[in-house]
């Protein structure tokens, strides 16, 4: 099929995803609780924080800009069970 785009995945010996390559060449590297997205123009690092098995926060670093987001329970009338609040 002409024009088909492919996303490639790489896994470690234990079957955990460690690399994703998107059709535009963007690479996403996964190491533990860290996710690094590398494009042709920037690098975005996301670090996930957990308390036990529960995700509680995520830090996003893009260049010199860093933001910390906390997960909290969303309002009961919302469609999602969780929301993110930012601290800069």
PDB file of N, CA and C in Angstrom:
ATOM      1  N   UNK A   1       0.843  -1.167   0.000  1.00  0.00           N
ATOM      2  CA  UNK A   1       0.000   0.000   0.000  1.00  0.00           C
ATOM      3  C   UNK A   1       0.896   1.240   0.000  1.00  0.00           C
ATOM      4  N   UNK A   2       0.715   2.104  -0.931  1.00  0.00           N
ATOM      5  CA  UNK A   2       1.494   3.331  -1.042  1.00  0.00           C
ATOM      6  C   UNK A   2       1.048   4.333   0.014  1.00  0.00           C
ATOM      7  N   UNK A   3       2.027   5.040   0.603  1.00  0.00           N
ATOM      8  CA  UNK A   3       1.700   6.064   1.582  1.00  0.00           C
ATOM      9  C   UNK A   3       1.494   5.545   2.991  1.00  0.00           C
ATOM     10  N   UNK A   4       1.781   4.282   3.241  1.00  0.00           N
ATOM     11  CA  UNK A   4       1.610   3.722   4.575  1.00  0.00           C
ATOM     12  C   UNK A   4       2.701   4.238   5.504  1.00  0.00           C
ATOM     13  N   UNK A   5       2.315   4.659   6.700  1.00  0.00           N
ATOM     14  CA  UNK A   5       3.260   5.128   7.702  1.00  0.00           C
ATOM     15  C   UNK A   5       3.421   4.047   8.760  1.00  0.00           C
ATOM     16  N   UNK A   6       4.648   3.885   9.242  1.00  0.00           N
ATOM     17  CA  UNK A   6       4.928   2.834  10.205  1.00  0.00           C
ATOM     18  C   UNK A   6       5.559   3.397  11.467  1.00  0.00           C
ATOM     19  N   UNK A   7       5.085   2.952  12.608  1.00  0.00           N
ATOM     20  CA  UNK A   7       5.703   3.253  13.895  1.00  0.00           C
ATOM     21  C   UNK A   7       6.430   1.990  14.336  1.00  0.00           C
ATOM     22  N   UNK A   8       7.700   2.145  14.736  1.00  0.00           N
ATOM     23  CA  UNK A   8       8.504   0.997  15.147  1.00  0.00           C
ATOM     24  C   UNK A   8       8.690   1.010  16.661  1.00  0.00           C
ATOM     25  N   UNK A   9       8.790  -0.186  17.256  1.00  0.00           N
ATOM     26  CA  UNK A   9       8.960  -0.331  18.686  1.00  0.00           C
ATOM     27  C   UNK A   9      10.161  -1.205  18.969  1.00  0.00           C
ATOM     28  N   UNK A  10      10.890  -0.873  20.053  1.00  0.00           N
ATOM     29  CA  UNK A  10      12.009  -1.695  20.502  1.00  0.00           C
ATOM     30  C   UNK A  10      11.751  -2.129  21.935  1.00  0.00           C
ATOM     31  N   UNK A  11      12.132  -3.362  22.263  1.00  0.00           N
ATOM     32  CA  UNK A  11      11.878  -3.933  23.579  1.00  0.00           C
ATOM     33  C   UNK A  11      13.172  -4.487  24.172  1.00  0.00           C
ATOM     34  N   UNK A  12      13.244  -4.504  25.517  1.00  0.00           N
ATOM     35  CA  UNK A  12      14.404  -5.096  26.164  1.00  0.00           C
ATOM     36  C   UNK A  12      14.188  -6.604  26.313  1.00  0.00           C
ATOM     37  N   UNK A  13      15.139  -7.282  26.944  1.00  0.00           N
ATOM     38  CA  UNK A  13      15.071  -8.742  27.077  1.00  0.00           C
ATOM     39  C   UNK A  13      13.890  -9.200  27.924  1.00  0.00           C
ATOM     40  N   UNK A  14      13.357  -8.319  28.770  1.00  0.00           N
ATOM     41  CA  UNK A  14      12.207  -8.674  29.611  1.00  0.00           C
ATOM     42  C   UNK A  14      10.876  -8.304  28.966  1.00  0.00           C
ATOM     43  N   UNK A  15      10.905  -7.814  27.735  1.00  0.00           N
ATOM     44  CA  UNK A  15       9.671  -7.482  27.020  1.00  0.00           C
ATOM     45  C   UNK A  15       9.123  -6.103  27.301  1.00  0.00           C
ATOM     46  N   UNK A  16       9.891  -5.255  27.997  1.00  0.00           N
ATOM     47  CA  UNK A  16       9.439  -3.883  28.262  1.00  0.00           C
ATOM     48  C   UNK A  16       9.823  -2.989  27.087  1.00  0.00           C
ATOM     49  N   UNK A  17       8.893  -2.125  26.699  1.00  0.00           N
ATOM     50  CA  UNK A  17       9.174  -1.198  25.607  1.00  0.00           C
ATOM     51  C   UNK A  17      10.237  -0.208  26.060  1.00  0.00           C
ATOM     52  N   UNK A  18      11.275  -0.030  25.244  1.00  0.00           N
ATOM     53  CA  UNK A  18      12.345   0.917  25.560  1.00  0.00           C
ATOM     54  C   UNK A  18      12.503   1.986  24.487  1.00  0.00           C
ATOM     55  N   UNK A  19      11.913   1.770  23.306  1.00  0.00           N
ATOM     56  CA  UNK A  19      12.061   2.730  22.216  1.00  0.00           C
ATOM     57  C   UNK A  19      10.840   2.689  21.307  1.00  0.00           C
ATOM     58  N   UNK A  20      10.407   3.875  20.901  1.00  0.00           N
ATOM     59  CA  UNK A  20       9.339   4.003  19.910  1.00  0.00           C
ATOM     60  C   UNK A  20       9.819   5.019  18.891  1.00  0.00           C
ATOM     61  N   UNK A  21       9.768   4.668  17.617  1.00  0.00           N
ATOM     62  CA  UNK A  21      10.152   5.578  16.547  1.00  0.00           C
ATOM     63  C   UNK A  21       8.926   5.849  15.687  1.00  0.00           C
ATOM     64  N   UNK A  22       8.520   7.126  15.644  1.00  0.00           N
ATOM     65  CA  UNK A  22       7.334   7.535  14.893  1.00  0.00           C
ATOM     66  C   UNK A  22       7.680   7.762  13.425  1.00  0.00           C
ATOM     67  N   UNK A  23       6.690   7.788  12.545  1.00  0.00           N
ATOM     68  CA  UNK A  23       6.938   7.964  11.117  1.00  0.00           C
ATOM     69  C   UNK A  23       7.719   9.243  10.775  1.00  0.00           C
ATOM     70  N   UNK A  24       7.584  10.304  11.575  1.00  0.00           N
ATOM     71  CA  UNK A  24       8.299  11.552  11.286  1.00  0.00           C
ATOM     72  C   UNK A  24       9.744  11.548  11.806  1.00  0.00           C
ATOM     73  N   UNK A  25      10.191  10.405  12.371  1.00  0.00           N
ATOM     74  CA  UNK A  25      11.545  10.301  12.882  1.00  0.00           C
ATOM     75  C   UNK A  25      11.678  10.596  14.370  1.00  0.00           C
ATOM     76  N   UNK A  26      10.611  11.082  14.985  1.00  0.00           N
ATOM     77  CA  UNK A  26      10.625  11.334  16.426  1.00  0.00           C
ATOM     78  C   UNK A  26      10.871  10.025  17.156  1.00  0.00           C
ATOM     79  N   UNK A  27      11.774  10.065  18.141  1.00  0.00           N
ATOM     80  CA  UNK A  27      12.050   8.884  18.946  1.00  0.00           C
ATOM     81  C   UNK A  27      11.631   9.140  20.385  1.00  0.00           C
ATOM     82  N   UNK A  28      11.022   8.136  20.997  1.00  0.00           N
ATOM     83  CA  UNK A  28      10.641   8.203  22.396  1.00  0.00           C
ATOM     84  C   UNK A  28      11.356   7.054  23.102  1.00  0.00           C
ATOM     85  N   UNK A  29      12.190   7.413  24.087  1.00  0.00           N
ATOM     86  CA  UNK A  29      12.972   6.437  24.832  1.00  0.00           C
ATOM     87  C   UNK A  29      12.346   6.293  26.215  1.00  0.00           C
ATOM     88  N   UNK A  30      12.157   5.055  26.656  1.00  0.00           N
ATOM     89  CA  UNK A  30      11.555   4.761  27.965  1.00  0.00           C
ATOM     90  C   UNK A  30      12.586   4.063  28.841  1.00  0.00           C
ATOM     91  N   UNK A  31      12.892   4.655  29.996  1.00  0.00           N
ATOM     92  CA  UNK A  31      13.822   4.052  30.948  1.00  0.00           C
ATOM     93  C   UNK A  31      13.237   4.222  32.337  1.00  0.00           C
ATOM     94  N   UNK A  32      12.757   3.145  32.924  1.00  0.00           N
ATOM     95  CA  UNK A  32      12.138   3.225  34.247  1.00  0.00           C
ATOM     96  C   UNK A  32      10.980   4.205  34.232  1.00  0.00           C
ATOM     97  N   UNK A  33      11.004   5.184  35.137  1.00  0.00           N
ATOM     98  CA  UNK A  33       9.946   6.182  35.215  1.00  0.00           C
ATOM     99  C   UNK A  33      10.237   7.428  34.406  1.00  0.00           C
ATOM    100  N   UNK A  34      11.122   7.308  33.420  1.00  0.00           N
ATOM    101  CA  UNK A  34      11.496   8.464  32.600  1.00  0.00           C
ATOM    102  C   UNK A  34      11.167   8.180  31.139  1.00  0.00           C
ATOM    103  N   UNK A  35      10.610   9.198  30.486  1.00  0.00           N
ATOM    104  CA  UNK A  35      10.271   9.125  29.060  1.00  0.00           C
ATOM    105  C   UNK A  35      10.906  10.332  28.390  1.00  0.00           C
ATOM    106  N   UNK A  36      11.747  10.090  27.378  1.00  0.00           N
ATOM    107  CA  UNK A  36      12.413  11.184  26.668  1.00  0.00           C
ATOM    108  C   UNK A  36      11.970  11.152  25.215  1.00  0.00           C
ATOM    109  N   UNK A  37      11.376  12.270  24.757  1.00  0.00           N
ATOM    110  CA  UNK A  37      10.959  12.409  23.365  1.00  0.00           C
ATOM    111  C   UNK A  37      11.971  13.288  22.655  1.00  0.00           C
ATOM    112  N   UNK A  38      12.524  12.768  21.554  1.00  0.00           N
ATOM    113  CA  UNK A  38      13.552  13.489  20.802  1.00  0.00           C
ATOM    114  C   UNK A  38      13.040  13.718  19.387  1.00  0.00           C
ATOM    115  N   UNK A  39      12.852  14.988  19.036  1.00  0.00           N
ATOM    116  CA  UNK A  39      12.442  15.347  17.681  1.00  0.00           C
ATOM    117  C   UNK A  39      13.633  15.992  16.975  1.00  0.00           C
ATOM    118  N   UNK A  40      13.419  16.457  15.774  1.00  0.00           N
ATOM    119  CA  UNK A  40      14.501  17.118  15.043  1.00  0.00           C
ATOM    120  C   UNK A  40      14.841  18.479  15.641  1.00  0.00           C
ATOM    121  N   UNK A  41      13.963  19.034  16.481  1.00  0.00           N
ATOM    122  CA  UNK A  41      14.196  20.381  17.012  1.00  0.00           C
ATOM    123  C   UNK A  41      14.215  20.481  18.532  1.00  0.00           C
ATOM    124  N   UNK A  42      13.789  19.453  19.254  1.00  0.00           N
ATOM    125  CA  UNK A  42      13.745  19.585  20.704  1.00  0.00           C
ATOM    126  C   UNK A  42      13.799  18.234  21.409  1.00  0.00           C
ATOM    127  N   UNK A  43      14.055  18.307  22.712  1.00  0.00           N
ATOM    128  CA  UNK A  43      14.003  17.125  23.578  1.00  0.00           C
ATOM    129  C   UNK A  43      13.062  17.441  24.734  1.00  0.00           C
ATOM    130  N   UNK A  44      12.117  16.545  24.988  1.00  0.00           N
ATOM    131  CA  UNK A  44      11.165  16.689  26.084  1.00  0.00           C
ATOM    132  C   UNK A  44      11.360  15.508  27.023  1.00  0.00           C
ATOM    133  N   UNK A  45      11.625  15.799  28.284  1.00  0.00           N
ATOM    134  CA  UNK A  45      11.820  14.738  29.273  1.00  0.00           C
ATOM    135  C   UNK A  45      10.658  14.749  30.254  1.00  0.00           C
ATOM    136  N   UNK A  46      10.029  13.592  30.415  1.00  0.00           N
ATOM    137  CA  UNK A  46       8.941  13.437  31.381  1.00  0.00           C
ATOM    138  C   UNK A  46       9.398  12.425  32.418  1.00  0.00           C
ATOM    139  N   UNK A  47       9.325  12.832  33.685  1.00  0.00           N
ATOM    140  CA  UNK A  47       9.656  11.935  34.783  1.00  0.00           C
ATOM    141  C   UNK A  47       8.394  11.701  35.592  1.00  0.00           C
ATOM    142  N   UNK A  48       8.058  10.440  35.800  1.00  0.00           N
ATOM    143  CA  UNK A  48       6.840  10.072  36.510  1.00  0.00           C
ATOM    144  C   UNK A  48       7.190   9.670  37.943  1.00  0.00           C
ATOM    145  N   UNK A  49       6.384  10.126  38.901  1.00  0.00           N
ATOM    146  CA  UNK A  49       6.607   9.841  40.316  1.00  0.00           C
ATOM    147  C   UNK A  49       5.427   9.060  40.865  1.00  0.00           C
ATOM    148  N   UNK A  50       5.723   8.018  41.629  1.00  0.00           N
ATOM    149  CA  UNK A  50       4.677   7.181  42.197  1.00  0.00           C
ATOM    150  C   UNK A  50       4.861   7.066  43.705  1.00  0.00           C
ATOM    151  N   UNK A  51       3.741   6.838  44.387  1.00  0.00           N
ATOM    152  CA  UNK A  51       3.746   6.481  45.799  1.00  0.00           C
ATOM    153  C   UNK A  51       3.162   5.081  45.838  1.00  0.00           C
ATOM    154  N   UNK A  52       4.018   4.100  46.047  1.00  0.00           N
ATOM    155  CA  UNK A  52       3.583   2.711  45.908  1.00  0.00           C
ATOM    156  C   UNK A  52       3.264   2.454  44.447  1.00  0.00           C
ATOM    157  N   UNK A  53       2.088   1.943  44.162  1.00  0.00           N
ATOM    158  CA  UNK A  53       1.680   1.660  42.781  1.00  0.00           C
ATOM    159  C   UNK A  53       0.863   2.794  42.168  1.00  0.00           C
ATOM    160  N   UNK A  54       0.693   3.902  42.901  1.00  0.00           N
ATOM    161  CA  UNK A  54      -0.169   4.986  42.434  1.00  0.00           C
ATOM    162  C   UNK A  54       0.656   6.146  41.871  1.00  0.00           C
ATOM    163  N   UNK A  55       0.348   6.547  40.641  1.00  0.00           N
ATOM    164  CA  UNK A  55       0.988   7.703  40.021  1.00  0.00           C
ATOM    165  C   UNK A  55       0.537   8.965  40.737  1.00  0.00           C
ATOM    166  N   UNK A  56       1.493   9.802  41.179  1.00  0.00           N
ATOM    167  CA  UNK A  56       1.117  11.009  41.911  1.00  0.00           C
ATOM    168  C   UNK A  56       1.577  12.302  41.241  1.00  0.00           C
ATOM    169  N   UNK A  57       2.621  12.230  40.387  1.00  0.00           N
ATOM    170  CA  UNK A  57       3.122  13.464  39.781  1.00  0.00           C
ATOM    171  C   UNK A  57       3.924  13.156  38.526  1.00  0.00           C
ATOM    172  N   UNK A  58       4.126  14.216  37.712  1.00  0.00           N
ATOM    173  CA  UNK A  58       4.937  14.122  36.505  1.00  0.00           C
ATOM    174  C   UNK A  58       5.655  15.456  36.315  1.00  0.00           C
ATOM    175  N   UNK A  59       6.960  15.407  36.077  1.00  0.00           N
ATOM    176  CA  UNK A  59       7.729  16.609  35.752  1.00  0.00           C
ATOM    177  C   UNK A  59       8.011  16.582  34.257  1.00  0.00           C
ATOM    178  N   UNK A  60       7.762  17.722  33.586  1.00  0.00           N
ATOM    179  CA  UNK A  60       8.029  17.847  32.160  1.00  0.00           C
ATOM    180  C   UNK A  60       9.089  18.931  31.979  1.00  0.00           C
ATOM    181  N   UNK A  61      10.191  18.564  31.317  1.00  0.00           N
ATOM    182  CA  UNK A  61      11.274  19.501  31.061  1.00  0.00           C
ATOM    183  C   UNK A  61      11.439  19.622  29.555  1.00  0.00           C
ATOM    184  N   UNK A  62      11.320  20.852  29.057  1.00  0.00           N
ATOM    185  CA  UNK A  62      11.543  21.157  27.642  1.00  0.00           C
ATOM    186  C   UNK A  62      12.542  22.300  27.590  1.00  0.00           C
ATOM    187  N   UNK A  63      13.762  22.006  27.179  1.00  0.00           N
ATOM    188  CA  UNK A  63      14.795  23.036  27.185  1.00  0.00           C
ATOM    189  C   UNK A  63      15.027  23.521  28.599  1.00  0.00           C
ATOM    190  N   UNK A  64      14.916  24.829  28.817  1.00  0.00           N
ATOM    191  CA  UNK A  64      15.134  25.418  30.138  1.00  0.00           C
ATOM    192  C   UNK A  64      13.841  25.527  30.944  1.00  0.00           C
ATOM    193  N   UNK A  65      12.719  25.069  30.388  1.00  0.00           N
ATOM    194  CA  UNK A  65      11.423  25.190  31.053  1.00  0.00           C
ATOM    195  C   UNK A  65      11.074  23.863  31.731  1.00  0.00           C
ATOM    196  N   UNK A  66      10.681  23.965  33.004  1.00  0.00           N
ATOM    197  CA  UNK A  66      10.311  22.778  33.772  1.00  0.00           C
ATOM    198  C   UNK A  66       8.964  23.030  34.439  1.00  0.00           C
ATOM    199  N   UNK A  67       8.087  22.031  34.403  1.00  0.00           N
ATOM    200  CA  UNK A  67       6.794  22.130  35.073  1.00  0.00           C
ATOM    201  C   UNK A  67       6.525  20.830  35.804  1.00  0.00           C
ATOM    202  N   UNK A  68       5.953  20.939  36.988  1.00  0.00           N
ATOM    203  CA  UNK A  68       5.597  19.775  37.790  1.00  0.00           C
ATOM    204  C   UNK A  68       4.082  19.693  37.846  1.00  0.00           C
ATOM    205  N   UNK A  69       3.538  18.528  37.526  1.00  0.00           N
ATOM    206  CA  UNK A  69       2.097  18.302  37.524  1.00  0.00           C
ATOM    207  C   UNK A  69       1.762  17.255  38.577  1.00  0.00           C
ATOM    208  N   UNK A  70       0.699  17.497  39.346  1.00  0.00           N
ATOM    209  CA  UNK A  70       0.238  16.541  40.347  1.00  0.00           C
ATOM    210  C   UNK A  70      -1.081  15.934  39.904  1.00  0.00           C
ATOM    211  N   UNK A  71      -1.228  14.633  40.109  1.00  0.00           N
ATOM    212  CA  UNK A  71      -2.471  13.949  39.786  1.00  0.00           C
ATOM    213  C   UNK A  71      -3.406  14.081  40.983  1.00  0.00           C
ATOM    214  N   UNK A  72      -4.657  14.367  40.717  1.00  0.00           N
ATOM    215  CA  UNK A  72      -5.644  14.423  41.785  1.00  0.00           C
ATOM    216  C   UNK A  72      -6.977  13.930  41.252  1.00  0.00           C
ATOM    217  N   UNK A  73      -7.860  13.607  42.153  1.00  0.00           N
ATOM    218  CA  UNK A  73      -9.185  13.150  41.760  1.00  0.00           C
ATOM    219  C   UNK A  73      -9.949  14.313  41.152  1.00  0.00           C
ATOM    220  N   UNK A  74     -10.550  14.054  40.005  1.00  0.00           N
ATOM    221  CA  UNK A  74     -11.307  15.078  39.295  1.00  0.00           C
ATOM    222  C   UNK A  74     -12.694  15.221  39.918  1.00  0.00           C
ATOM    223  N   UNK A  75     -13.361  16.299  39.586  1.00  0.00           N
ATOM    224  CA  UNK A  75     -14.733  16.540  40.053  1.00  0.00           C
ATOM    225  C   UNK A  75     -15.613  15.382  39.608  1.00  0.00           C
ATOM    226  N   UNK A  76     -16.516  14.906  40.445  1.00  0.00           N
ATOM    227  CA  UNK A  76     -17.346  13.733  40.119  1.00  0.00           C
ATOM    228  C   UNK A  76     -18.155  13.855  38.832  1.00  0.00           C
ATOM    229  N   UNK A  77     -18.503  15.065  38.402  1.00  0.00           N
ATOM    230  CA  UNK A  77     -19.317  15.198  37.195  1.00  0.00           C
ATOM    231  C   UNK A  77     -18.472  15.153  35.923  1.00  0.00           C
ATOM    232  N   UNK A  78     -17.146  15.161  36.055  1.00  0.00           N
ATOM    233  CA  UNK A  78     -16.275  15.126  34.874  1.00  0.00           C
ATOM    234  C   UNK A  78     -16.224  13.711  34.312  1.00  0.00           C
ATOM    235  N   UNK A  79     -15.852  13.602  33.050  1.00  0.00           N
ATOM    236  CA  UNK A  79     -15.832  12.301  32.391  1.00  0.00           C
ATOM    237  C   UNK A  79     -14.618  11.465  32.796  1.00  0.00           C
ATOM    238  N   UNK A  80     -13.556  12.088  33.288  1.00  0.00           N
ATOM    239  CA  UNK A  80     -12.346  11.372  33.671  1.00  0.00           C
ATOM    240  C   UNK A  80     -12.272  11.248  35.183  1.00  0.00           C
ATOM    241  N   UNK A  81     -11.586  10.212  35.656  1.00  0.00           N
ATOM    242  CA  UNK A  81     -11.453  10.013  37.082  1.00  0.00           C
ATOM    243  C   UNK A  81     -10.261  10.728  37.686  1.00  0.00           C
ATOM    244  N   UNK A  82      -9.396  11.327  36.848  1.00  0.00           N
ATOM    245  CA  UNK A  82      -8.240  12.037  37.382  1.00  0.00           C
ATOM    246  C   UNK A  82      -7.968  13.289  36.562  1.00  0.00           C
ATOM    247  N   UNK A  83      -7.237  14.203  37.169  1.00  0.00           N
ATOM    248  CA  UNK A  83      -6.871  15.454  36.498  1.00  0.00           C
ATOM    249  C   UNK A  83      -5.455  15.806  36.903  1.00  0.00           C
ATOM    250  N   UNK A  84      -4.840  16.736  36.178  1.00  0.00           N
ATOM    251  CA  UNK A  84      -3.477  17.189  36.463  1.00  0.00           C
ATOM    252  C   UNK A  84      -3.513  18.648  36.859  1.00  0.00           C
ATOM    253  N   UNK A  85      -2.765  19.011  37.891  1.00  0.00           N
ATOM    254  CA  UNK A  85      -2.600  20.400  38.285  1.00  0.00           C
ATOM    255  C   UNK A  85      -1.130  20.764  38.155  1.00  0.00           C
ATOM    256  N   UNK A  86      -0.844  21.911  37.576  1.00  0.00           N
ATOM    257  CA  UNK A  86       0.537  22.302  37.306  1.00  0.00           C
ATOM    258  C   UNK A  86       1.111  23.212  38.363  1.00  0.00           C
ATOM    259  N   UNK A  87       2.403  23.035  38.632  1.00  0.00           N
ATOM    260  CA  UNK A  87       3.189  23.942  39.467  1.00  0.00           C
ATOM    261  C   UNK A  87       4.431  24.275  38.665  1.00  0.00           C
ATOM    262  N   UNK A  88       4.758  25.536  38.566  1.00  0.00           N
ATOM    263  CA  UNK A  88       5.956  25.941  37.813  1.00  0.00           C
ATOM    264  C   UNK A  88       6.927  26.606  38.721  1.00  0.00           C
TER     265      UNK A  88
END
